[in-house]
Amino acid sequence: MAIPTIDLALTGANIMNLRKASGLSVRDLQAVFGFSTPQAIYKWQAGATLPTVDNLLVLAALFHVKIDDILVTRDTIITVA
């Protein structure tokens, strides 16, 4: 059986590309989210962490895309006994 999994590295690269295509800086996103430092955004872009669902919703609105357009998935094959 194949189940979708989120590719953290590709999703992070996608967030960075969408941010740049939207003309937004990391500091712009930091201000929108009210973060005291930009570290969370850098971690998203590096694929170290994922934004929360709430933050994905905000990113989708800022980038004018659907959440599905932010997340990069791949199928993982699992064996069910």
N, C-alpha and C. Protein backbone atom coordinates (compact mmCIF):
# COMPACT_ATOMS: atom_id res chain seq x y z
N MET A 1 0.84 -1.16 0.00
CA MET A 1 0.00 0.00 0.00
C MET A 1 0.90 1.24 0.00
N ALA A 2 0.53 2.24 -0.76
CA ALA A 2 1.28 3.49 -0.82
C ALA A 2 0.53 4.56 -0.03
N ILE A 3 1.24 5.22 0.85
CA ILE A 3 0.66 6.33 1.61
C ILE A 3 1.50 7.57 1.36
N PRO A 4 0.88 8.74 1.28
CA PRO A 4 1.65 9.95 1.06
C PRO A 4 2.40 10.37 2.32
N THR A 5 3.63 10.83 2.14
CA THR A 5 4.41 11.40 3.23
C THR A 5 4.95 12.75 2.75
N ILE A 6 5.17 13.63 3.69
CA ILE A 6 5.68 14.97 3.34
C ILE A 6 7.19 14.91 3.25
N ASP A 7 7.73 15.40 2.15
CA ASP A 7 9.18 15.51 1.97
C ASP A 7 9.60 16.85 2.57
N LEU A 8 10.24 16.80 3.73
CA LEU A 8 10.60 18.03 4.46
C LEU A 8 11.53 18.93 3.66
N ALA A 9 12.56 18.34 3.06
CA ALA A 9 13.55 19.15 2.33
C ALA A 9 12.91 19.84 1.13
N LEU A 10 12.13 19.10 0.35
CA LEU A 10 11.51 19.70 -0.84
C LEU A 10 10.42 20.70 -0.46
N THR A 11 9.70 20.43 0.63
CA THR A 11 8.70 21.39 1.10
C THR A 11 9.38 22.67 1.55
N GLY A 12 10.51 22.55 2.25
CA GLY A 12 11.25 23.74 2.67
C GLY A 12 11.73 24.56 1.49
N ALA A 13 12.27 23.88 0.48
CA ALA A 13 12.71 24.58 -0.73
C ALA A 13 11.52 25.24 -1.42
N ASN A 14 10.38 24.58 -1.41
CA ASN A 14 9.18 25.13 -2.03
C ASN A 14 8.71 26.38 -1.29
N ILE A 15 8.76 26.35 0.04
CA ILE A 15 8.39 27.53 0.83
C ILE A 15 9.30 28.71 0.45
N MET A 16 10.60 28.45 0.35
CA MET A 16 11.53 29.51 -0.01
C MET A 16 11.23 30.05 -1.41
N ASN A 17 10.98 29.16 -2.36
CA ASN A 17 10.69 29.60 -3.73
C ASN A 17 9.39 30.39 -3.81
N LEU A 18 8.37 29.93 -3.11
CA LEU A 18 7.09 30.65 -3.10
C LEU A 18 7.23 32.01 -2.42
N ARG A 19 8.02 32.06 -1.35
CA ARG A 19 8.26 33.34 -0.66
C ARG A 19 8.92 34.33 -1.60
N LYS A 20 9.97 33.87 -2.28
CA LYS A 20 10.69 34.75 -3.21
C LYS A 20 9.80 35.18 -4.37
N ALA A 21 9.02 34.24 -4.91
CA ALA A 21 8.13 34.56 -6.03
C ALA A 21 7.05 35.57 -5.62
N SER A 22 6.72 35.57 -4.34
CA SER A 22 5.72 36.52 -3.82
C SER A 22 6.33 37.86 -3.47
N GLY A 23 7.66 37.97 -3.60
CA GLY A 23 8.33 39.23 -3.29
C GLY A 23 8.44 39.51 -1.81
N LEU A 24 8.40 38.46 -1.00
CA LEU A 24 8.47 38.63 0.45
C LEU A 24 9.84 38.21 0.97
N SER A 25 10.33 38.91 1.96
CA SER A 25 11.58 38.54 2.61
C SER A 25 11.28 37.69 3.85
N VAL A 26 12.31 37.08 4.38
CA VAL A 26 12.16 36.33 5.63
C VAL A 26 11.68 37.29 6.73
N ARG A 27 12.21 38.48 6.74
CA ARG A 27 11.81 39.48 7.75
C ARG A 27 10.33 39.85 7.58
N ASP A 28 9.85 39.90 6.33
CA ASP A 28 8.42 40.17 6.10
C ASP A 28 7.57 39.09 6.77
N LEU A 29 7.95 37.82 6.54
CA LEU A 29 7.20 36.72 7.16
C LEU A 29 7.30 36.77 8.68
N GLN A 30 8.47 37.10 9.17
CA GLN A 30 8.66 37.21 10.62
C GLN A 30 7.67 38.23 11.19
N ALA A 31 7.51 39.35 10.52
CA ALA A 31 6.59 40.39 10.98
C ALA A 31 5.14 39.92 10.91
N VAL A 32 4.76 39.24 9.84
CA VAL A 32 3.39 38.76 9.70
C VAL A 32 3.04 37.79 10.83
N PHE A 33 3.97 36.89 11.13
CA PHE A 33 3.70 35.89 12.16
C PHE A 33 3.95 36.41 13.57
N GLY A 34 4.60 37.55 13.70
CA GLY A 34 4.88 38.11 15.02
C GLY A 34 5.96 37.37 15.77
N PHE A 35 6.85 36.70 15.01
CA PHE A 35 7.96 35.98 15.64
C PHE A 35 9.02 36.98 16.10
N SER A 36 9.62 36.71 17.25
CA SER A 36 10.66 37.61 17.75
C SER A 36 11.97 37.44 16.97
N THR A 37 12.18 36.26 16.39
CA THR A 37 13.35 36.01 15.55
C THR A 37 12.88 35.28 14.29
N PRO A 38 13.70 35.28 13.24
CA PRO A 38 13.31 34.60 12.01
C PRO A 38 13.66 33.11 11.99
N GLN A 39 14.14 32.57 13.09
CA GLN A 39 14.65 31.20 13.10
C GLN A 39 13.63 30.16 12.63
N ALA A 40 12.37 30.30 13.02
CA ALA A 40 11.35 29.33 12.60
C ALA A 40 11.22 29.29 11.08
N ILE A 41 11.27 30.45 10.46
CA ILE A 41 11.14 30.52 9.00
C ILE A 41 12.36 29.88 8.34
N TYR A 42 13.54 30.15 8.86
CA TYR A 42 14.74 29.51 8.31
C TYR A 42 14.67 28.00 8.48
N LYS A 43 14.12 27.53 9.60
CA LYS A 43 13.98 26.08 9.81
C LYS A 43 12.99 25.48 8.82
N TRP A 44 11.90 26.20 8.53
CA TRP A 44 10.95 25.72 7.52
C TRP A 44 11.65 25.58 6.18
N GLN A 45 12.37 26.63 5.80
CA GLN A 45 13.03 26.65 4.49
C GLN A 45 14.13 25.61 4.37
N ALA A 46 14.77 25.28 5.48
CA ALA A 46 15.83 24.27 5.48
C ALA A 46 15.27 22.85 5.52
N GLY A 47 13.96 22.72 5.75
CA GLY A 47 13.36 21.40 5.85
C GLY A 47 13.60 20.75 7.20
N ALA A 48 13.97 21.54 8.19
CA ALA A 48 14.21 21.00 9.54
C ALA A 48 12.89 20.81 10.29
N THR A 49 11.93 21.69 10.04
CA THR A 49 10.61 21.60 10.66
C THR A 49 9.55 22.02 9.65
N LEU A 50 8.31 21.71 9.97
CA LEU A 50 7.19 22.14 9.15
C LEU A 50 6.42 23.23 9.89
N PRO A 51 5.82 24.16 9.15
CA PRO A 51 4.92 25.11 9.81
C PRO A 51 3.72 24.38 10.39
N THR A 52 3.14 24.92 11.43
CA THR A 52 1.90 24.36 11.96
C THR A 52 0.80 24.53 10.91
N VAL A 53 -0.30 23.84 11.10
CA VAL A 53 -1.42 23.96 10.17
C VAL A 53 -1.90 25.41 10.10
N ASP A 54 -1.98 26.08 11.23
CA ASP A 54 -2.39 27.50 11.25
C ASP A 54 -1.43 28.35 10.42
N ASN A 55 -0.13 28.10 10.58
CA ASN A 55 0.86 28.87 9.84
C ASN A 55 0.84 28.52 8.36
N LEU A 56 0.56 27.26 8.03
CA LEU A 56 0.42 26.89 6.61
C LEU A 56 -0.74 27.64 5.97
N LEU A 57 -1.82 27.80 6.72
CA LEU A 57 -2.98 28.53 6.21
C LEU A 57 -2.61 29.98 5.90
N VAL A 58 -1.84 30.60 6.77
CA VAL A 58 -1.40 31.98 6.55
C VAL A 58 -0.44 32.05 5.36
N LEU A 59 0.51 31.10 5.28
CA LEU A 59 1.44 31.09 4.15
C LEU A 59 0.68 30.95 2.83
N ALA A 60 -0.32 30.06 2.80
CA ALA A 60 -1.10 29.87 1.58
C ALA A 60 -1.78 31.17 1.17
N ALA A 61 -2.31 31.90 2.12
CA ALA A 61 -2.95 33.18 1.82
C ALA A 61 -1.94 34.20 1.31
N LEU A 62 -0.77 34.26 1.95
CA LEU A 62 0.26 35.20 1.53
C LEU A 62 0.80 34.89 0.14
N PHE A 63 0.94 33.59 -0.16
CA PHE A 63 1.50 33.18 -1.45
C PHE A 63 0.43 33.03 -2.53
N HIS A 64 -0.84 33.18 -2.15
CA HIS A 64 -1.97 33.03 -3.09
C HIS A 64 -2.00 31.64 -3.71
N VAL A 65 -1.81 30.62 -2.86
CA VAL A 65 -1.86 29.23 -3.29
C VAL A 65 -2.67 28.43 -2.28
N LYS A 66 -2.93 27.17 -2.60
CA LYS A 66 -3.57 26.26 -1.64
C LYS A 66 -2.48 25.61 -0.78
N ILE A 67 -2.86 25.15 0.40
CA ILE A 67 -1.90 24.46 1.27
C ILE A 67 -1.24 23.30 0.52
N ASP A 68 -2.02 22.59 -0.28
CA ASP A 68 -1.48 21.47 -1.05
C ASP A 68 -0.37 21.90 -2.02
N ASP A 69 -0.38 23.17 -2.41
CA ASP A 69 0.66 23.68 -3.31
C ASP A 69 1.95 24.00 -2.56
N ILE A 70 1.88 24.04 -1.25
CA ILE A 70 3.07 24.31 -0.43
C ILE A 70 3.77 22.99 -0.08
N LEU A 71 2.98 22.01 0.31
CA LEU A 71 3.53 20.73 0.75
C LEU A 71 3.94 19.88 -0.44
N VAL A 72 5.14 19.32 -0.36
CA VAL A 72 5.62 18.39 -1.39
C VAL A 72 5.57 16.99 -0.78
N THR A 73 4.83 16.12 -1.44
CA THR A 73 4.65 14.77 -0.91
C THR A 73 5.25 13.73 -1.86
N ARG A 74 5.45 12.57 -1.29
CA ARG A 74 5.87 11.42 -2.09
C ARG A 74 5.17 10.21 -1.50
N ASP A 75 5.03 9.18 -2.29
CA ASP A 75 4.37 7.97 -1.79
C ASP A 75 5.40 7.07 -1.11
N THR A 76 5.00 6.57 0.04
CA THR A 76 5.81 5.61 0.79
C THR A 76 5.07 4.29 0.76
N ILE A 77 5.77 3.25 0.41
CA ILE A 77 5.18 1.91 0.35
C ILE A 77 5.28 1.26 1.72
N ILE A 78 4.13 0.81 2.23
CA ILE A 78 4.13 0.08 3.49
C ILE A 78 3.49 -1.29 3.26
N THR A 79 3.89 -2.23 4.06
CA THR A 79 3.35 -3.56 3.98
C THR A 79 2.36 -3.76 5.13
N VAL A 80 1.17 -4.16 4.80
CA VAL A 80 0.15 -4.45 5.81
C VAL A 80 0.01 -5.95 5.93
N ALA A 81 0.18 -6.44 7.14
CA ALA A 81 0.10 -7.91 7.34
C ALA A 81 -1.30 -8.40 7.36
